[in-house]
Amino acid sequence: MSATPSTTDRAPLPALLSVPRAAELLGISRASAYRYAAAGELPTRRLGGRVYVVTSRLLAMVEGVAA
């Protein structure tokens, strides 16, 4: 059995992630995630004064880096 969870082992992610949740998934600090979001390096949307990371675009970005 593999120690690395597969995509079928994980609960589905919501369409939008909070910046702290995205940071947790990426293994970076909250401060770094907010810095990347402000620099346009994370795919974000602003709703109701809050900043969210677009999950589908984040996953595509991560998969593109891993390829």
PDB file of N, CA and C in Angstrom:
ATOM      1  N   MET A   1       0.837  -1.177   0.000  1.00  0.00           N
ATOM      2  CA  MET A   1       0.000   0.000   0.000  1.00  0.00           C
ATOM      3  C   MET A   1       0.882   1.239   0.000  1.00  0.00           C
ATOM      4  N   SER A   2       0.526   2.202  -0.798  1.00  0.00           N
ATOM      5  CA  SER A   2       1.306   3.423  -0.950  1.00  0.00           C
ATOM      6  C   SER A   2       1.056   4.374   0.222  1.00  0.00           C
ATOM      7  N   ALA A   3       2.104   5.052   0.647  1.00  0.00           N
ATOM      8  CA  ALA A   3       1.975   6.027   1.730  1.00  0.00           C
ATOM      9  C   ALA A   3       1.393   7.339   1.223  1.00  0.00           C
ATOM     10  N   THR A   4       1.517   7.597  -0.074  1.00  0.00           N
ATOM     11  CA  THR A   4       1.005   8.820  -0.667  1.00  0.00           C
ATOM     12  C   THR A   4      -0.455   8.628  -1.044  1.00  0.00           C
ATOM     13  N   PRO A   5      -1.350   9.493  -0.535  1.00  0.00           N
ATOM     14  CA  PRO A   5      -2.759   9.329  -0.873  1.00  0.00           C
ATOM     15  C   PRO A   5      -3.010   9.653  -2.336  1.00  0.00           C
ATOM     16  N   SER A   6      -3.863   8.884  -2.972  1.00  0.00           N
ATOM     17  CA  SER A   6      -4.222   9.163  -4.357  1.00  0.00           C
ATOM     18  C   SER A   6      -5.390  10.126  -4.368  1.00  0.00           C
ATOM     19  N   THR A   7      -5.740  10.612  -5.557  1.00  0.00           N
ATOM     20  CA  THR A   7      -6.850  11.557  -5.655  1.00  0.00           C
ATOM     21  C   THR A   7      -8.163  10.918  -5.232  1.00  0.00           C
ATOM     22  N   THR A   8      -8.278   9.604  -5.320  1.00  0.00           N
ATOM     23  CA  THR A   8      -9.511   8.942  -4.894  1.00  0.00           C
ATOM     24  C   THR A   8      -9.600   8.846  -3.375  1.00  0.00           C
ATOM     25  N   ASP A   9      -8.474   8.980  -2.659  1.00  0.00           N
ATOM     26  CA  ASP A   9      -8.462   8.908  -1.199  1.00  0.00           C
ATOM     27  C   ASP A   9      -8.869  10.228  -0.547  1.00  0.00           C
ATOM     28  N   ARG A  10      -8.794  11.298  -1.271  1.00  0.00           N
ATOM     29  CA  ARG A  10      -9.055  12.620  -0.713  1.00  0.00           C
ATOM     30  C   ARG A  10     -10.502  13.042  -0.923  1.00  0.00           C
ATOM     31  N   ALA A  11     -10.996  13.835   0.008  1.00  0.00           N
ATOM     32  CA  ALA A  11     -12.325  14.412  -0.148  1.00  0.00           C
ATOM     33  C   ALA A  11     -12.267  15.449  -1.265  1.00  0.00           C
ATOM     34  N   PRO A  12     -13.350  15.609  -2.003  1.00  0.00           N
ATOM     35  CA  PRO A  12     -13.346  16.611  -3.071  1.00  0.00           C
ATOM     36  C   PRO A  12     -13.158  18.012  -2.490  1.00  0.00           C
ATOM     37  N   LEU A  13     -12.462  18.835  -3.220  1.00  0.00           N
ATOM     38  CA  LEU A  13     -12.209  20.204  -2.779  1.00  0.00           C
ATOM     39  C   LEU A  13     -13.315  21.121  -3.293  1.00  0.00           C
ATOM     40  N   PRO A  14     -13.620  22.184  -2.549  1.00  0.00           N
ATOM     41  CA  PRO A  14     -14.607  23.148  -3.035  1.00  0.00           C
ATOM     42  C   PRO A  14     -14.043  23.934  -4.215  1.00  0.00           C
ATOM     43  N   ALA A  15     -14.908  24.611  -4.945  1.00  0.00           N
ATOM     44  CA  ALA A  15     -14.493  25.386  -6.116  1.00  0.00           C
ATOM     45  C   ALA A  15     -13.536  26.510  -5.736  1.00  0.00           C
ATOM     46  N   LEU A  16     -13.728  27.072  -4.554  1.00  0.00           N
ATOM     47  CA  LEU A  16     -12.870  28.150  -4.069  1.00  0.00           C
ATOM     48  C   LEU A  16     -12.296  27.766  -2.714  1.00  0.00           C
ATOM     49  N   LEU A  17     -11.033  28.093  -2.527  1.00  0.00           N
ATOM     50  CA  LEU A  17     -10.353  27.821  -1.260  1.00  0.00           C
ATOM     51  C   LEU A  17      -9.973  29.137  -0.602  1.00  0.00           C
ATOM     52  N   SER A  18     -10.017  29.174   0.710  1.00  0.00           N
ATOM     53  CA  SER A  18      -9.473  30.338   1.400  1.00  0.00           C
ATOM     54  C   SER A  18      -7.963  30.337   1.178  1.00  0.00           C
ATOM     55  N   VAL A  19      -7.357  31.479   1.282  1.00  0.00           N
ATOM     56  CA  VAL A  19      -5.905  31.554   1.102  1.00  0.00           C
ATOM     57  C   VAL A  19      -5.185  30.705   2.154  1.00  0.00           C
ATOM     58  N   PRO A  20      -5.599  30.738   3.429  1.00  0.00           N
ATOM     59  CA  PRO A  20      -4.932  29.862   4.402  1.00  0.00           C
ATOM     60  C   PRO A  20      -5.070  28.373   4.068  1.00  0.00           C
ATOM     61  N   ARG A  21      -6.233  27.943   3.560  1.00  0.00           N
ATOM     62  CA  ARG A  21      -6.423  26.530   3.196  1.00  0.00           C
ATOM     63  C   ARG A  21      -5.544  26.170   1.998  1.00  0.00           C
ATOM     64  N   ALA A  22      -5.449  27.062   1.020  1.00  0.00           N
ATOM     65  CA  ALA A  22      -4.574  26.820  -0.127  1.00  0.00           C
ATOM     66  C   ALA A  22      -3.122  26.721   0.336  1.00  0.00           C
ATOM     67  N   ALA A  23      -2.733  27.578   1.270  1.00  0.00           N
ATOM     68  CA  ALA A  23      -1.370  27.532   1.813  1.00  0.00           C
ATOM     69  C   ALA A  23      -1.106  26.191   2.473  1.00  0.00           C
ATOM     70  N   GLU A  24      -2.078  25.710   3.236  1.00  0.00           N
ATOM     71  CA  GLU A  24      -1.943  24.415   3.908  1.00  0.00           C
ATOM     72  C   GLU A  24      -1.755  23.292   2.886  1.00  0.00           C
ATOM     73  N   LEU A  25      -2.552  23.301   1.830  1.00  0.00           N
ATOM     74  CA  LEU A  25      -2.452  22.263   0.800  1.00  0.00           C
ATOM     75  C   LEU A  25      -1.127  22.329   0.044  1.00  0.00           C
ATOM     76  N   LEU A  26      -0.612  23.548  -0.140  1.00  0.00           N
ATOM     77  CA  LEU A  26       0.648  23.727  -0.861  1.00  0.00           C
ATOM     78  C   LEU A  26       1.872  23.525   0.029  1.00  0.00           C
ATOM     79  N   GLY A  27       1.660  23.514   1.335  1.00  0.00           N
ATOM     80  CA  GLY A  27       2.780  23.348   2.254  1.00  0.00           C
ATOM     81  C   GLY A  27       3.617  24.603   2.406  1.00  0.00           C
ATOM     82  N   ILE A  28       2.948  25.756   2.309  1.00  0.00           N
ATOM     83  CA  ILE A  28       3.636  27.037   2.477  1.00  0.00           C
ATOM     84  C   ILE A  28       2.948  27.808   3.602  1.00  0.00           C
ATOM     85  N   SER A  29       3.582  28.873   4.049  1.00  0.00           N
ATOM     86  CA  SER A  29       2.997  29.668   5.129  1.00  0.00           C
ATOM     87  C   SER A  29       1.842  30.518   4.604  1.00  0.00           C
ATOM     88  N   ARG A  30       0.975  30.927   5.521  1.00  0.00           N
ATOM     89  CA  ARG A  30      -0.120  31.837   5.154  1.00  0.00           C
ATOM     90  C   ARG A  30       0.426  33.118   4.554  1.00  0.00           C
ATOM     91  N   ALA A  31       1.483  33.649   5.174  1.00  0.00           N
ATOM     92  CA  ALA A  31       2.069  34.900   4.695  1.00  0.00           C
ATOM     93  C   ALA A  31       2.565  34.749   3.261  1.00  0.00           C
ATOM     94  N   SER A  32       3.220  33.628   2.973  1.00  0.00           N
ATOM     95  CA  SER A  32       3.704  33.389   1.608  1.00  0.00           C
ATOM     96  C   SER A  32       2.539  33.294   0.633  1.00  0.00           C
ATOM     97  N   ALA A  33       1.479  32.608   1.031  1.00  0.00           N
ATOM     98  CA  ALA A  33       0.318  32.460   0.153  1.00  0.00           C
ATOM     99  C   ALA A  33      -0.310  33.815  -0.152  1.00  0.00           C
ATOM    100  N   TYR A  34      -0.456  34.661   0.861  1.00  0.00           N
ATOM    101  CA  TYR A  34      -1.009  35.995   0.622  1.00  0.00           C
ATOM    102  C   TYR A  34      -0.065  36.821  -0.257  1.00  0.00           C
ATOM    103  N   ARG A  35       1.227  36.665  -0.060  1.00  0.00           N
ATOM    104  CA  ARG A  35       2.203  37.380  -0.884  1.00  0.00           C
ATOM    105  C   ARG A  35       2.104  36.925  -2.342  1.00  0.00           C
ATOM    106  N   TYR A  36       2.024  35.604  -2.571  1.00  0.00           N
ATOM    107  CA  TYR A  36       1.880  35.078  -3.936  1.00  0.00           C
ATOM    108  C   TYR A  36       0.561  35.534  -4.561  1.00  0.00           C
ATOM    109  N   ALA A  37      -0.497  35.567  -3.766  1.00  0.00           N
ATOM    110  CA  ALA A  37      -1.794  36.019  -4.270  1.00  0.00           C
ATOM    111  C   ALA A  37      -1.720  37.486  -4.692  1.00  0.00           C
ATOM    112  N   ALA A  38      -1.099  38.320  -3.871  1.00  0.00           N
ATOM    113  CA  ALA A  38      -0.972  39.743  -4.185  1.00  0.00           C
ATOM    114  C   ALA A  38      -0.119  39.975  -5.423  1.00  0.00           C
ATOM    115  N   ALA A  39       0.868  39.103  -5.638  1.00  0.00           N
ATOM    116  CA  ALA A  39       1.750  39.230  -6.803  1.00  0.00           C
ATOM    117  C   ALA A  39       1.142  38.605  -8.058  1.00  0.00           C
ATOM    118  N   GLY A  40      -0.031  37.978  -7.927  1.00  0.00           N
ATOM    119  CA  GLY A  40      -0.676  37.348  -9.072  1.00  0.00           C
ATOM    120  C   GLY A  40      -0.131  35.972  -9.398  1.00  0.00           C
ATOM    121  N   GLU A  41       0.630  35.393  -8.479  1.00  0.00           N
ATOM    122  CA  GLU A  41       1.217  34.071  -8.709  1.00  0.00           C
ATOM    123  C   GLU A  41       0.284  32.939  -8.287  1.00  0.00           C
ATOM    124  N   LEU A  42      -0.783  33.260  -7.580  1.00  0.00           N
ATOM    125  CA  LEU A  42      -1.837  32.296  -7.258  1.00  0.00           C
ATOM    126  C   LEU A  42      -3.111  32.776  -7.947  1.00  0.00           C
ATOM    127  N   PRO A  43      -3.888  31.853  -8.522  1.00  0.00           N
ATOM    128  CA  PRO A  43      -5.126  32.246  -9.207  1.00  0.00           C
ATOM    129  C   PRO A  43      -6.219  32.580  -8.192  1.00  0.00           C
ATOM    130  N   THR A  44      -6.535  33.852  -8.052  1.00  0.00           N
ATOM    131  CA  THR A  44      -7.485  34.279  -7.025  1.00  0.00           C
ATOM    132  C   THR A  44      -8.690  34.991  -7.617  1.00  0.00           C
ATOM    133  N   ARG A  45      -9.735  35.040  -6.807  1.00  0.00           N
ATOM    134  CA  ARG A  45     -10.940  35.812  -7.075  1.00  0.00           C
ATOM    135  C   ARG A  45     -11.314  36.500  -5.776  1.00  0.00           C
ATOM    136  N   ARG A  46     -11.828  37.709  -5.900  1.00  0.00           N
ATOM    137  CA  ARG A  46     -12.270  38.455  -4.723  1.00  0.00           C
ATOM    138  C   ARG A  46     -13.800  38.430  -4.696  1.00  0.00           C
ATOM    139  N   LEU A  47     -14.342  37.977  -3.581  1.00  0.00           N
ATOM    140  CA  LEU A  47     -15.794  37.931  -3.391  1.00  0.00           C
ATOM    141  C   LEU A  47     -16.130  38.516  -2.033  1.00  0.00           C
ATOM    142  N   GLY A  48     -16.975  39.514  -2.034  1.00  0.00           N
ATOM    143  CA  GLY A  48     -17.404  40.104  -0.771  1.00  0.00           C
ATOM    144  C   GLY A  48     -16.267  40.622   0.080  1.00  0.00           C
ATOM    145  N   GLY A  49     -15.228  41.132  -0.537  1.00  0.00           N
ATOM    146  CA  GLY A  49     -14.094  41.664   0.201  1.00  0.00           C
ATOM    147  C   GLY A  49     -13.087  40.620   0.642  1.00  0.00           C
ATOM    148  N   ARG A  50     -13.360  39.361   0.361  1.00  0.00           N
ATOM    149  CA  ARG A  50     -12.425  38.288   0.718  1.00  0.00           C
ATOM    150  C   ARG A  50     -11.738  37.762  -0.531  1.00  0.00           C
ATOM    151  N   VAL A  51     -10.542  37.241  -0.333  1.00  0.00           N
ATOM    152  CA  VAL A  51      -9.767  36.680  -1.437  1.00  0.00           C
ATOM    153  C   VAL A  51      -9.829  35.161  -1.345  1.00  0.00           C
ATOM    154  N   TYR A  52     -10.156  34.537  -2.473  1.00  0.00           N
ATOM    155  CA  TYR A  52     -10.217  33.079  -2.561  1.00  0.00           C
ATOM    156  C   TYR A  52      -9.327  32.597  -3.688  1.00  0.00           C
ATOM    157  N   VAL A  53      -8.801  31.397  -3.539  1.00  0.00           N
ATOM    158  CA  VAL A  53      -7.995  30.767  -4.578  1.00  0.00           C
ATOM    159  C   VAL A  53      -8.917  29.849  -5.375  1.00  0.00           C
ATOM    160  N   VAL A  54      -8.845  29.961  -6.713  1.00  0.00           N
ATOM    161  CA  VAL A  54      -9.669  29.145  -7.600  1.00  0.00           C
ATOM    162  C   VAL A  54      -9.043  27.749  -7.671  1.00  0.00           C
ATOM    163  N   THR A  55      -9.742  26.772  -7.124  1.00  0.00           N
ATOM    164  CA  THR A  55      -9.202  25.423  -6.972  1.00  0.00           C
ATOM    165  C   THR A  55      -8.788  24.801  -8.296  1.00  0.00           C
ATOM    166  N   SER A  56      -9.644  24.863  -9.307  1.00  0.00           N
ATOM    167  CA  SER A  56      -9.328  24.209 -10.583  1.00  0.00           C
ATOM    168  C   SER A  56      -8.075  24.793 -11.216  1.00  0.00           C
ATOM    169  N   ARG A  57      -7.927  26.108 -11.136  1.00  0.00           N
ATOM    170  CA  ARG A  57      -6.740  26.744 -11.721  1.00  0.00           C
ATOM    171  C   ARG A  57      -5.497  26.458 -10.893  1.00  0.00           C
ATOM    172  N   LEU A  58      -5.649  26.370  -9.577  1.00  0.00           N
ATOM    173  CA  LEU A  58      -4.517  26.034  -8.716  1.00  0.00           C
ATOM    174  C   LEU A  58      -4.033  24.617  -9.012  1.00  0.00           C
ATOM    175  N   LEU A  59      -4.969  23.671  -9.124  1.00  0.00           N
ATOM    176  CA  LEU A  59      -4.594  22.288  -9.423  1.00  0.00           C
ATOM    177  C   LEU A  59      -3.924  22.177 -10.786  1.00  0.00           C
ATOM    178  N   ALA A  60      -4.442  22.905 -11.781  1.00  0.00           N
ATOM    179  CA  ALA A  60      -3.829  22.894 -13.111  1.00  0.00           C
ATOM    180  C   ALA A  60      -2.422  23.471 -13.051  1.00  0.00           C
ATOM    181  N   MET A  61      -2.246  24.522 -12.261  1.00  0.00           N
ATOM    182  CA  MET A  61      -0.934  25.140 -12.115  1.00  0.00           C
ATOM    183  C   MET A  61       0.043  24.166 -11.462  1.00  0.00           C
ATOM    184  N   VAL A  62      -0.388  23.501 -10.412  1.00  0.00           N
ATOM    185  CA  VAL A  62       0.472  22.554  -9.697  1.00  0.00           C
ATOM    186  C   VAL A  62       0.802  21.360 -10.587  1.00  0.00           C
ATOM    187  N   GLU A  63      -0.184  20.846 -11.305  1.00  0.00           N
ATOM    188  CA  GLU A  63       0.053  19.712 -12.200  1.00  0.00           C
ATOM    189  C   GLU A  63       0.992  20.096 -13.333  1.00  0.00           C
ATOM    190  N   GLY A  64       0.910  21.338 -13.800  1.00  0.00           N
ATOM    191  CA  GLY A  64       1.802  21.809 -14.852  1.00  0.00           C
ATOM    192  C   GLY A  64       3.241  21.891 -14.376  1.00  0.00           C
ATOM    193  N   VAL A  65       3.437  22.270 -13.125  1.00  0.00           N
ATOM    194  CA  VAL A  65       4.778  22.351 -12.547  1.00  0.00           C
ATOM    195  C   VAL A  65       5.342  20.956 -12.341  1.00  0.00           C
ATOM    196  N   ALA A  66       4.495  20.024 -11.935  1.00  0.00           N
ATOM    197  CA  ALA A  66       4.945  18.660 -11.658  1.00  0.00           C
ATOM    198  C   ALA A  66       5.259  17.887 -12.934  1.00  0.00           C
ATOM    199  N   ALA A  67       4.695  18.317 -14.052  1.00  0.00           N
ATOM    200  CA  ALA A  67       4.899  17.581 -15.316  1.00  0.00           C
ATOM    201  C   ALA A  67       6.264  17.814 -15.903  1.00  0.00           C
TER     202      ALA A  67
END
